[in-house]
Amino acid sequence: MIMSTKVDKSEMFSGKSDGITFEKLDEKVLSWGRAKFGDKYATQLWKDELPDLSKLDLKDELDNFEYEMHCTLVYDVLCYDSAKYADGLFETNRFWTVQYQLQARQRFRERMYCYLETIVKGEAARQIKKLGVRKMAGMREFLFRRFGAGQPEVLEERIRKYLLGMPDEKSGEAFPPRCDMEQKLDELEAEREYLLEMCPKEQRDNYEDGKESTLVRIILRLRPKEYDDAVKTAINLHRIRLYTKGGDLSKITNLEDNSRVIYNTDWLPNYDELREEMIKSYLLQKRRREEAKQSTRKSPGHPVLPILRGFEQPGPKPKVCYGCGQEGHYKGDQECKAGPNEIWAGAPESFRQKAKNGGKGKANKGKGKGGAKGASPNGVRQRNQKGPSNDSKTPCKYFNSGNGYCKWGDNCRHSHDKKNNGKRKGQPTLLLSKKDKKTKKEIVTMVINDLKSSIKKNKTAEKKGEKEDGDDELYNLVRGRQSTMMIQKADGQAEDDYVPQRRVIMMISSSNSQDEDDFTPKKTFEI
């Protein structure tokens, strides 16, 4: 009993591009028949290769033997459905008649025809229905000629691609880089088997394109260079086997006969051995690539960024003189060979405009009084660079003001001689550290306590409110009225050797010329 099953239309054969190919149809029918009749009987039934029983002479011993073997094969097929029924039928004379065998064969074809109807559609289904079950014996050949690769043009194209190694559609190479060698060899084997299958049975022994030696030549001719060692191993193994066949090891040599190598197939290696060596080489290369990837992941290193030409890169720039165009110095330095008014052709426009405006950054904003800002009359750019001028006689304004500190020190191009013989002008000042607040507070407290104690000793007549008198005196002291306190350097220290130090000095004074009501104390801080 045939169970109808729903088949996807995309898996049905129509003879067009909207369904499966003829090769796929062939596989589906054989797969179904293999489960129903066994592989041997299903293949011969579908391809119409069963013996013609009507032409056998049962009186002939060989024909009779062939007939008995066929009947035994039919008995095995019947056992797939029911072994008990097959055993009972096998003992009857009816089973051994030619008529029963032909009837059984037709029933099997009817079952295959019913299955074929479920996997075809469109024009193929119409043609099958037109032929009917009575012509099931030649159904496969008809479908192959009508819808398969039976046309000469189609077969010739497939043969041409096979001889080229079945090149890849994208790259056009028979063996693309890092292709799966096992899958590629399977593909070539399947195409060879197909061409051999399409060849008539009586011509298969002489069909050159379907021979195994042709497949070996294709592989040797088109193999990638990374498989040279594998091919050499297979060839050497075959050569040693040939040379030692006669037992004479002295015949082993590397001097080949070119005529034998080119025109004779004896030197070709065995396909199975060649396949094994190439697959081993492929698996080894694949493992090495995976190991290289793993080692790269463990130590990725530093990312590499391209340096694009034509774009300015970040970072410090070398010194460039806008006078002579040389690197390593600026305009106005001693090593600059350009004149005072010379400007390099590659100088920025802002520098040219600045030089044109007499050292000012923008035009029409007032005229400058000399060269560029920070440059001396002789063109020296750096302050601490001593040039051939009279600048060394000019007193340094930093050394002669404040605490006398000059950040250029001995390298200053100005003179560090004190003005007015070392005596500085100025009003009495209050010298306090701006940073050390704690020290200020301690000194002020100490001075106040000392003044209070001196006031108490000088008072001979104590009256009520002397505390208020002492506070008034202290108040006048702070206000700077009628009081003076001076702190100077220690005795014995030379005047010329005096170096200002970070000391806290407080000086408070009063001026009699000012009106008491209008007086405002002034404080000056110096360190």
Protein backbone atom coordinates (compact mmCIF):
# COMPACT_ATOMS: atom_id res chain seq x y z
CA MET A 1 0.00 0.00 0.00
CA ILE A 2 1.41 3.36 -1.02
CA MET A 3 1.04 6.09 1.59
CA SER A 4 0.60 9.51 0.01
CA THR A 5 2.76 12.13 1.59
CA LYS A 6 2.75 15.87 1.02
CA VAL A 7 5.89 16.98 -0.83
CA ASP A 8 7.22 20.53 -0.96
CA LYS A 9 6.85 21.90 -4.49
CA SER A 10 10.40 23.21 -4.43
CA GLU A 11 11.54 19.58 -4.00
CA MET A 12 9.60 18.36 -7.04
CA PHE A 13 10.90 17.80 -10.57
CA SER A 14 9.40 19.86 -13.39
CA GLY A 15 12.16 19.81 -15.95
CA LYS A 16 12.57 23.60 -15.46
CA SER A 17 14.56 25.85 -13.14
CA ASP A 18 11.75 26.05 -10.58
CA GLY A 19 12.30 22.49 -9.33
CA ILE A 20 14.99 19.96 -8.57
CA THR A 21 17.48 18.78 -11.18
CA PHE A 22 17.42 15.43 -12.91
CA GLU A 23 20.32 14.24 -10.78
CA LYS A 24 18.33 15.02 -7.65
CA LEU A 25 15.33 13.18 -9.09
CA ASP A 26 17.54 10.19 -9.79
CA GLU A 27 18.72 10.18 -6.18
CA LYS A 28 15.21 10.46 -4.75
CA VAL A 29 13.86 7.54 -6.80
CA LEU A 30 16.81 5.30 -5.97
CA SER A 31 16.55 6.21 -2.28
CA TRP A 32 12.89 5.25 -2.24
CA GLY A 33 13.47 2.04 -4.21
CA ARG A 34 16.36 1.04 -1.98
CA ALA A 35 14.04 0.99 1.02
CA LYS A 36 11.38 -1.05 -0.87
CA PHE A 37 13.38 -3.49 -3.02
CA GLY A 38 16.99 -3.30 -1.93
CA ASP A 39 19.80 -1.44 -3.64
CA LYS A 40 20.67 -3.91 -6.37
CA TYR A 41 17.15 -4.64 -7.61
CA ALA A 42 15.99 -1.00 -7.27
CA THR A 43 18.93 0.28 -9.34
CA GLN A 44 18.42 -2.27 -12.12
CA LEU A 45 14.65 -1.71 -12.10
CA TRP A 46 14.90 2.12 -12.37
CA LYS A 47 17.69 2.07 -14.96
CA ASP A 48 16.10 -0.84 -16.88
CA GLU A 49 19.18 -3.05 -16.47
CA LEU A 50 17.35 -6.25 -15.40
CA PRO A 51 17.99 -9.26 -17.64
CA ASP A 52 15.58 -9.82 -20.54
CA LEU A 53 13.92 -13.06 -19.42
CA SER A 54 12.25 -13.61 -22.74
CA LYS A 55 15.63 -14.02 -24.45
CA LEU A 56 17.07 -16.53 -21.99
CA ASP A 57 17.38 -20.15 -23.02
CA LEU A 58 16.61 -22.08 -19.85
CA LYS A 59 18.06 -25.22 -21.39
CA ASP A 60 21.44 -23.51 -21.56
CA GLU A 61 23.38 -23.96 -18.39
CA LEU A 62 24.63 -20.39 -18.16
CA ASP A 63 21.26 -18.85 -18.99
CA ASN A 64 19.56 -21.17 -16.54
CA PHE A 65 22.01 -20.15 -13.82
CA GLU A 66 21.38 -16.49 -14.55
CA TYR A 67 17.64 -17.07 -14.38
CA GLU A 68 17.86 -18.86 -11.02
CA MET A 69 19.96 -16.02 -9.57
CA HIS A 70 17.33 -13.54 -10.75
CA CYS A 71 14.55 -15.54 -9.10
CA THR A 72 16.54 -15.60 -5.86
CA LEU A 73 16.89 -11.78 -6.06
CA VAL A 74 13.10 -11.47 -6.49
CA TYR A 75 12.61 -13.72 -3.44
CA ASP A 76 14.77 -11.31 -1.39
CA VAL A 77 12.62 -8.40 -2.60
CA LEU A 78 9.44 -10.18 -1.51
CA CYS A 79 10.95 -10.71 1.94
CA TYR A 80 10.96 -6.89 2.43
CA ASP A 81 7.14 -7.01 2.51
CA SER A 82 6.53 -10.40 4.13
CA ALA A 83 9.08 -13.12 4.73
CA LYS A 84 6.32 -15.69 5.43
CA TYR A 85 4.64 -14.99 2.09
CA ALA A 86 7.97 -15.15 0.27
CA ASP A 87 8.87 -18.51 1.84
CA GLY A 88 5.53 -20.04 0.85
CA LEU A 89 5.78 -18.71 -2.70
CA PHE A 90 9.37 -19.83 -3.12
CA GLU A 91 8.35 -23.49 -2.69
CA THR A 92 5.75 -23.37 -5.45
CA ASN A 93 6.37 -24.11 -9.13
CA ARG A 94 4.55 -20.90 -10.08
CA PHE A 95 7.30 -18.77 -8.59
CA TRP A 96 9.90 -20.29 -10.92
CA THR A 97 8.02 -19.62 -14.10
CA VAL A 98 9.04 -16.81 -16.47
CA GLN A 99 5.48 -15.52 -16.59
CA TYR A 100 5.36 -14.94 -12.81
CA GLN A 101 8.73 -13.20 -12.82
CA LEU A 102 7.60 -10.80 -15.55
CA GLN A 103 4.35 -10.11 -13.69
CA ALA A 104 6.23 -9.44 -10.42
CA ARG A 105 8.58 -7.06 -12.24
CA GLN A 106 5.67 -5.10 -13.67
CA ARG A 107 4.05 -4.80 -10.21
CA PHE A 108 7.29 -3.39 -8.84
CA ARG A 109 7.41 -0.86 -11.70
CA GLU A 110 3.83 0.17 -10.96
CA ARG A 111 4.78 0.93 -7.36
CA MET A 112 7.75 2.99 -8.54
CA TYR A 113 5.53 4.80 -11.04
CA CYS A 114 3.13 5.75 -8.22
CA TYR A 115 5.99 7.23 -6.23
CA LEU A 116 7.29 9.07 -9.29
CA GLU A 117 3.93 10.77 -9.72
CA THR A 118 4.27 12.34 -6.24
CA ILE A 119 7.59 14.07 -6.99
CA VAL A 120 6.96 15.59 -10.42
CA LYS A 121 4.98 18.61 -11.54
CA GLY A 122 4.33 20.79 -14.54
CA GLU A 123 5.47 19.52 -17.92
CA ALA A 124 7.23 16.51 -16.42
CA ALA A 125 4.00 15.37 -14.77
CA ARG A 126 2.14 15.77 -18.04
CA GLN A 127 4.69 13.68 -19.93
CA ILE A 128 4.63 10.91 -17.34
CA LYS A 129 0.86 10.75 -17.44
CA LYS A 130 0.98 10.68 -21.22
CA LEU A 131 3.38 7.72 -21.32
CA GLY A 132 1.59 5.78 -18.63
CA VAL A 133 2.72 2.97 -16.39
CA ARG A 134 3.10 0.52 -19.26
CA LYS A 135 6.15 2.40 -20.47
CA MET A 136 7.73 2.64 -17.02
CA ALA A 137 10.67 0.52 -18.18
CA GLY A 138 12.01 3.35 -20.35
CA MET A 139 10.76 6.22 -18.15
CA ARG A 140 14.16 7.24 -16.79
CA GLU A 141 15.78 7.40 -20.24
CA PHE A 142 12.87 9.45 -21.56
CA LEU A 143 13.09 11.99 -18.71
CA PHE A 144 16.85 12.20 -19.15
CA ARG A 145 16.57 12.91 -22.87
CA ARG A 146 13.67 15.32 -22.51
CA PHE A 147 14.55 17.28 -19.35
CA GLY A 148 17.96 16.15 -18.13
CA ALA A 149 21.46 16.57 -19.52
CA GLY A 150 20.81 14.34 -22.48
CA GLN A 151 21.32 17.15 -24.99
CA PRO A 152 24.78 17.08 -26.60
CA GLU A 153 25.40 20.77 -25.91
CA VAL A 154 24.72 20.36 -22.20
CA LEU A 155 26.97 17.31 -21.91
CA GLU A 156 29.81 18.98 -23.79
CA GLU A 157 29.69 22.00 -21.46
CA ARG A 158 29.82 19.80 -18.38
CA ILE A 159 32.74 17.83 -19.82
CA ARG A 160 34.61 21.06 -20.61
CA LYS A 161 34.20 22.35 -17.04
CA TYR A 162 35.22 19.00 -15.61
CA LEU A 163 38.47 18.95 -17.59
CA LEU A 164 39.17 22.50 -16.31
CA GLY A 165 38.79 21.29 -12.74
CA MET A 166 35.29 22.77 -12.29
CA PRO A 167 36.52 26.33 -11.66
CA ASP A 168 34.90 28.56 -9.07
CA GLU A 169 32.28 30.95 -10.45
CA LYS A 170 33.64 33.99 -8.60
CA SER A 171 37.41 33.60 -8.85
CA GLY A 172 37.58 31.38 -11.94
CA GLU A 173 40.19 29.15 -10.25
CA ALA A 174 39.89 25.38 -10.00
CA PHE A 175 41.45 25.41 -6.54
CA PRO A 176 40.80 28.80 -4.90
CA PRO A 177 43.18 29.84 -2.07
CA ARG A 178 42.55 27.90 1.15
CA CYS A 179 39.66 25.96 -0.38
CA ASP A 180 38.36 22.88 1.41
CA MET A 181 40.39 20.20 -0.38
CA GLU A 182 38.21 17.33 0.80
CA GLN A 183 35.06 19.03 -0.47
CA LYS A 184 36.73 19.93 -3.77
CA LEU A 185 37.87 16.37 -4.44
CA ASP A 186 34.40 15.06 -3.61
CA GLU A 187 32.96 17.49 -6.14
CA LEU A 188 35.33 16.25 -8.86
CA GLU A 189 34.55 12.64 -8.03
CA ALA A 190 30.79 13.24 -8.23
CA GLU A 191 31.12 14.92 -11.63
CA ARG A 192 33.23 12.07 -12.96
CA GLU A 193 30.68 9.53 -11.76
CA TYR A 194 27.90 11.53 -13.39
CA LEU A 195 29.66 11.63 -16.77
CA LEU A 196 30.39 7.95 -16.51
CA GLU A 197 26.77 7.27 -15.62
CA MET A 198 25.52 9.20 -18.61
CA CYS A 199 27.77 7.21 -20.91
CA PRO A 200 26.16 4.14 -22.47
CA LYS A 201 27.00 0.99 -20.58
CA GLU A 202 28.76 -0.69 -23.49
CA GLN A 203 31.09 2.31 -24.01
CA ARG A 204 32.11 3.02 -20.43
CA ASP A 205 35.31 0.98 -20.54
CA ASN A 206 36.72 3.12 -23.36
CA TYR A 207 35.38 6.50 -22.19
CA GLU A 208 38.56 8.50 -21.47
CA ASP A 209 36.94 11.46 -19.69
CA GLY A 210 35.32 9.10 -17.20
CA LYS A 211 38.51 7.24 -16.27
CA GLU A 212 40.27 7.67 -12.94
CA SER A 213 43.57 8.49 -14.67
CA THR A 214 41.94 11.58 -16.21
CA LEU A 215 40.88 12.78 -12.76
CA VAL A 216 44.44 12.29 -11.45
CA ARG A 217 45.89 14.30 -14.33
CA ILE A 218 43.45 17.15 -13.67
CA ILE A 219 44.53 17.31 -10.02
CA LEU A 220 48.25 17.17 -10.84
CA ARG A 221 47.92 19.90 -13.48
CA LEU A 222 45.82 22.36 -11.45
CA ARG A 223 46.93 21.71 -7.86
CA PRO A 224 47.97 24.71 -5.69
CA LYS A 225 51.67 25.05 -4.97
CA GLU A 226 51.21 24.41 -1.25
CA TYR A 227 50.31 20.78 -2.09
CA ASP A 228 53.52 20.05 -4.02
CA ASP A 229 55.01 18.03 -1.16
CA ALA A 230 51.86 15.92 -0.80
CA VAL A 231 51.82 15.16 -4.53
CA LYS A 232 55.51 14.31 -4.51
CA THR A 233 54.99 11.89 -1.64
CA ALA A 234 52.21 10.06 -3.50
CA ILE A 235 54.24 9.91 -6.74
CA ASN A 236 57.37 8.61 -4.99
CA LEU A 237 55.34 5.93 -3.23
CA HIS A 238 53.95 4.76 -6.54
CA ARG A 239 57.38 4.82 -8.20
CA ILE A 240 58.94 2.71 -5.47
CA ARG A 241 56.11 0.21 -5.80
CA LEU A 242 56.67 -0.03 -9.57
CA TYR A 243 60.46 -0.34 -9.36
CA THR A 244 60.35 -3.01 -6.68
CA LYS A 245 57.67 -5.08 -8.41
CA GLY A 246 60.34 -7.12 -10.19
CA GLY A 247 62.50 -7.44 -7.07
CA ASP A 248 65.45 -5.51 -8.52
CA LEU A 249 66.11 -2.47 -6.28
CA SER A 250 68.86 -1.22 -8.59
CA LYS A 251 66.19 0.02 -10.99
CA ILE A 252 65.16 2.76 -8.54
CA THR A 253 66.38 6.05 -10.02
CA ASN A 254 65.39 9.69 -10.38
CA LEU A 255 66.19 9.72 -14.13
CA GLU A 256 62.76 9.65 -15.70
CA ASP A 257 61.89 8.71 -19.27
CA ASN A 258 59.99 11.73 -20.60
CA SER A 259 58.06 9.71 -23.15
CA ARG A 260 56.88 7.33 -20.44
CA VAL A 261 55.92 10.18 -18.08
CA ILE A 262 53.94 12.12 -20.68
CA TYR A 263 52.25 9.40 -22.74
CA ASN A 264 51.99 6.51 -20.32
CA THR A 265 49.69 6.35 -17.31
CA ASP A 266 51.82 3.84 -15.40
CA TRP A 267 53.67 6.60 -13.58
CA LEU A 268 50.46 8.26 -12.35
CA PRO A 269 49.91 7.81 -8.61
CA ASN A 270 46.93 5.97 -7.25
CA TYR A 271 43.98 8.32 -6.77
CA ASP A 272 43.13 7.12 -3.27
CA GLU A 273 46.71 7.65 -2.09
CA LEU A 274 46.89 11.06 -3.77
CA ARG A 275 43.60 12.07 -2.17
CA GLU A 276 44.77 10.94 1.26
CA GLU A 277 48.03 12.91 1.08
CA MET A 278 46.34 16.11 -0.12
CA ILE A 279 43.66 15.98 2.58
CA LYS A 280 46.35 15.46 5.24
CA SER A 281 48.24 18.47 3.92
CA TYR A 282 45.05 20.57 3.94
CA LEU A 283 44.21 19.66 7.54
CA LEU A 284 47.78 20.44 8.65
CA GLN A 285 47.70 23.86 6.97
CA LYS A 286 44.32 24.60 8.52
CA ARG A 287 45.61 23.73 12.00
CA ARG A 288 48.68 25.94 11.56
CA ARG A 289 46.49 28.90 10.55
CA GLU A 290 44.27 28.43 13.60
CA GLU A 291 47.33 28.28 15.88
CA ALA A 292 48.66 31.49 14.34
CA LYS A 293 45.32 33.21 14.99
CA GLN A 294 45.32 32.10 18.63
CA SER A 295 48.86 33.36 19.20
CA THR A 296 47.90 36.69 17.65
CA ARG A 297 44.92 37.06 19.98
CA LYS A 298 47.08 36.48 23.06
CA SER A 299 49.54 39.21 22.10
CA PRO A 300 47.71 41.62 19.83
CA GLY A 301 50.54 44.18 20.03
CA HIS A 302 49.97 47.81 19.17
CA PRO A 303 47.52 49.01 16.56
CA VAL A 304 49.15 50.30 13.41
CA LEU A 305 47.81 53.60 12.14
CA PRO A 306 48.64 54.82 8.64
CA ILE A 307 50.52 58.09 8.30
CA LEU A 308 48.72 59.97 5.59
CA ARG A 309 50.84 62.13 3.34
CA GLY A 310 49.81 65.71 2.83
CA PHE A 311 48.40 66.28 6.32
CA GLU A 312 50.21 68.02 9.15
CA GLN A 313 50.85 65.65 12.06
CA PRO A 314 50.45 66.71 15.70
CA GLY A 315 53.46 67.18 17.97
CA PRO A 316 56.29 69.63 18.52
CA LYS A 317 57.60 71.40 15.45
CA PRO A 318 61.29 72.13 14.78
CA LYS A 319 62.57 75.69 15.03
CA VAL A 320 62.33 77.51 11.71
CA CYS A 321 63.91 80.87 11.00
CA TYR A 322 61.55 83.16 9.10
CA GLY A 323 64.56 85.20 7.95
CA CYS A 324 66.71 82.59 6.16
CA GLY A 325 64.35 79.59 6.18
CA GLN A 326 66.81 77.28 7.98
CA GLU A 327 65.82 75.04 10.91
CA GLY A 328 67.41 75.11 14.34
CA HIS A 329 67.19 78.81 15.17
CA TYR A 330 64.93 81.86 15.03
CA LYS A 331 65.23 85.11 13.15
CA GLY A 332 67.67 87.46 14.92
CA ASP A 333 69.87 84.72 16.45
CA GLN A 334 73.63 84.90 15.99
CA GLU A 335 73.73 81.99 13.55
CA CYS A 336 71.07 83.58 11.33
CA LYS A 337 72.67 84.86 8.13
CA ALA A 338 69.67 86.88 6.99
CA GLY A 339 69.66 90.65 7.21
CA PRO A 340 67.43 92.66 9.58
CA ASN A 341 64.83 93.31 6.91
CA GLU A 342 65.03 90.00 5.02
CA ILE A 343 62.04 87.63 5.24
CA TRP A 344 61.98 84.04 4.09
CA ALA A 345 59.65 83.30 1.13
CA GLY A 346 57.95 80.51 3.10
CA ALA A 347 57.25 82.64 6.17
CA PRO A 348 53.62 82.77 7.34
CA GLU A 349 51.51 85.68 6.19
CA SER A 350 50.92 86.71 9.81
CA PHE A 351 54.69 87.15 10.33
CA ARG A 352 55.01 89.16 7.12
CA GLN A 353 52.16 91.44 8.14
CA LYS A 354 53.62 91.86 11.61
CA ALA A 355 57.02 92.83 10.20
CA LYS A 356 55.38 95.18 7.76
CA ASN A 357 53.50 96.95 10.57
CA GLY A 358 56.67 97.53 12.52
CA GLY A 359 56.19 94.73 15.05
CA LYS A 360 52.46 95.23 15.65
CA GLY A 361 50.07 92.36 15.13
CA LYS A 362 47.49 94.32 13.07
CA ALA A 363 47.70 97.31 10.81
CA ASN A 364 46.10 100.73 11.45
CA LYS A 365 46.29 100.23 15.22
CA GLY A 366 49.14 102.61 15.88
CA LYS A 367 52.76 102.63 14.87
CA GLY A 368 55.28 100.62 16.80
CA LYS A 369 58.48 101.97 18.26
CA GLY A 370 60.85 99.39 16.95
CA GLY A 371 61.12 95.78 15.96
CA ALA A 372 59.02 92.86 17.04
CA LYS A 373 57.82 92.51 20.59
CA GLY A 374 60.53 91.28 22.92
CA ALA A 375 63.33 91.97 20.45
CA SER A 376 66.19 94.29 21.39
CA PRO A 377 67.45 97.04 19.08
CA ASN A 378 70.27 94.81 17.82
CA GLY A 379 67.86 92.07 16.78
CA VAL A 380 68.53 89.65 19.66
CA ARG A 381 65.37 87.72 20.37
CA GLN A 382 66.18 85.95 23.66
CA ARG A 383 66.49 88.08 26.78
CA ASN A 384 69.17 85.94 28.35
CA GLN A 385 71.34 85.97 25.21
CA LYS A 386 74.21 88.41 25.48
CA GLY A 387 74.97 90.12 22.23
CA PRO A 388 77.56 92.63 21.06
CA SER A 389 75.82 95.71 22.48
CA ASN A 390 75.79 98.10 25.44
CA ASP A 391 72.89 96.26 27.08
CA SER A 392 75.30 94.84 29.67
CA LYS A 393 75.70 98.38 31.09
CA THR A 394 71.97 98.88 31.52
CA PRO A 395 70.85 98.12 35.11
CA CYS A 396 68.49 95.18 35.48
CA LYS A 397 65.09 96.41 36.65
CA TYR A 398 64.35 93.14 38.43
CA PHE A 399 67.62 93.10 40.37
CA ASN A 400 67.20 96.70 41.51
CA SER A 401 63.58 96.40 42.63
CA GLY A 402 61.74 94.33 45.16
CA ASN A 403 63.95 91.74 46.82
CA GLY A 404 66.51 91.83 44.00
CA TYR A 405 65.57 88.52 42.39
CA CYS A 406 66.19 88.07 38.64
CA LYS A 407 65.18 84.75 37.10
CA TRP A 408 67.97 84.91 34.48
CA GLY A 409 70.71 85.21 37.12
CA ASP A 410 74.25 85.44 35.74
CA ASN A 411 72.94 84.88 32.19
CA CYS A 412 71.01 88.16 32.24
CA ARG A 413 72.28 90.52 29.54
CA HIS A 414 71.70 93.58 31.81
CA SER A 415 73.88 94.73 34.62
CA HIS A 416 73.31 93.47 38.17
CA ASP A 417 75.11 96.47 39.75
CA LYS A 418 72.96 98.25 42.37
CA LYS A 419 71.79 101.78 41.71
CA ASN A 420 72.64 104.66 44.14
CA ASN A 421 75.60 102.72 45.64
CA GLY A 422 73.37 99.98 46.92
CA LYS A 423 70.90 102.33 48.63
CA ARG A 424 67.30 101.97 47.60
CA LYS A 425 64.79 104.74 47.61
CA GLY A 426 61.35 104.46 49.00
CA GLN A 427 59.14 105.12 51.98
CA PRO A 428 59.18 102.95 55.08
CA THR A 429 57.31 99.80 54.20
CA LEU A 430 55.69 96.94 55.93
CA LEU A 431 57.44 93.79 54.72
CA LEU A 432 55.29 90.75 55.26
CA SER A 433 55.07 87.39 53.61
CA LYS A 434 51.89 86.98 51.65
CA LYS A 435 52.06 83.21 51.77
CA ASP A 436 52.90 82.40 55.36
CA LYS A 437 49.84 83.66 57.32
CA LYS A 438 50.83 81.78 60.44
CA THR A 439 54.20 83.53 60.62
CA LYS A 440 52.53 86.92 60.20
CA LYS A 441 50.21 86.26 63.08
CA GLU A 442 53.02 85.14 65.40
CA ILE A 443 55.16 88.25 64.69
CA VAL A 444 52.28 90.67 65.15
CA THR A 445 51.37 89.02 68.46
CA MET A 446 54.99 89.15 69.66
CA VAL A 447 55.33 92.84 68.81
CA ILE A 448 52.05 93.74 70.53
CA ASN A 449 53.03 91.90 73.70
CA ASP A 450 56.43 93.60 73.78
CA LEU A 451 54.89 97.04 73.36
CA LYS A 452 52.41 96.43 76.15
CA SER A 453 55.12 95.39 78.58
CA SER A 454 57.25 98.49 77.79
CA ILE A 455 54.30 100.81 78.31
CA LYS A 456 53.61 99.35 81.73
CA LYS A 457 57.23 99.86 82.92
CA ASN A 458 57.43 103.51 81.83
CA LYS A 459 54.26 104.50 83.70
CA THR A 460 55.13 105.83 87.15
CA ALA A 461 51.76 107.04 88.19
CA GLU A 462 49.06 104.51 87.84
CA LYS A 463 45.64 105.88 87.36
CA LYS A 464 42.30 104.45 86.60
CA GLY A 465 41.97 103.61 83.01
CA GLU A 466 45.70 102.93 82.41
CA LYS A 467 44.62 99.89 80.44
CA GLU A 468 42.66 102.20 78.19
CA ASP A 469 45.81 104.47 77.93
CA GLY A 470 47.92 101.49 76.92
CA ASP A 471 45.33 100.46 74.42
CA ASP A 472 45.25 103.99 73.07
CA GLU A 473 49.03 103.88 72.64
CA LEU A 474 48.76 100.58 70.87
CA TYR A 475 45.96 101.99 68.72
CA ASN A 476 48.16 104.96 67.77
CA LEU A 477 50.96 102.53 66.95
CA VAL A 478 48.81 100.56 64.59
CA ARG A 479 47.40 103.79 63.09
CA GLY A 480 51.00 104.93 62.48
CA ARG A 481 50.79 108.08 64.66
CA GLN A 482 53.80 109.24 66.67
CA SER A 483 55.48 105.82 66.66
CA THR A 484 58.22 104.15 64.68
CA MET A 485 59.72 100.66 64.73
CA MET A 486 62.55 99.53 62.45
CA ILE A 487 64.11 96.12 61.90
CA GLN A 488 67.43 96.05 60.02
CA LYS A 489 70.09 93.54 59.08
CA ALA A 490 72.58 92.25 61.61
CA ASP A 491 75.70 94.24 62.39
CA GLY A 492 78.91 93.16 60.83
CA GLN A 493 77.38 92.09 57.56
CA ALA A 494 78.92 93.84 54.60
CA GLU A 495 76.66 96.06 52.66
CA ASP A 496 77.79 94.72 49.31
CA ASP A 497 77.35 91.12 50.44
CA TYR A 498 73.78 91.63 51.53
CA VAL A 499 71.40 89.17 49.87
CA PRO A 500 67.68 89.47 50.48
CA GLN A 501 66.20 86.50 52.27
CA ARG A 502 62.70 85.29 52.89
CA ARG A 503 62.31 87.06 56.28
CA VAL A 504 59.22 88.67 57.71
CA ILE A 505 59.76 92.41 58.40
CA MET A 506 57.13 94.82 59.60
CA MET A 507 57.70 98.61 59.53
CA ILE A 508 55.06 101.06 60.76
CA SER A 509 55.62 104.81 60.65
CA SER A 510 53.69 108.02 60.97
CA SER A 511 54.02 111.35 59.28
CA ASN A 512 53.66 114.61 61.29
CA SER A 513 52.96 116.55 58.16
CA GLN A 514 49.63 114.88 57.67
CA ASP A 515 46.52 115.86 59.47
CA GLU A 516 45.45 113.42 62.10
CA ASP A 517 41.94 113.19 60.82
CA ASP A 518 43.01 112.74 57.21
CA PHE A 519 45.73 110.20 57.96
CA THR A 520 45.33 106.76 56.38
CA PRO A 521 47.89 104.06 57.15
CA LYS A 522 49.60 102.50 54.15
CA LYS A 523 51.02 99.03 53.93
CA THR A 524 53.48 97.70 51.44
CA PHE A 525 54.41 94.03 51.18
CA GLU A 526 57.75 92.84 49.95
CA ILE A 527 59.38 89.41 50.13
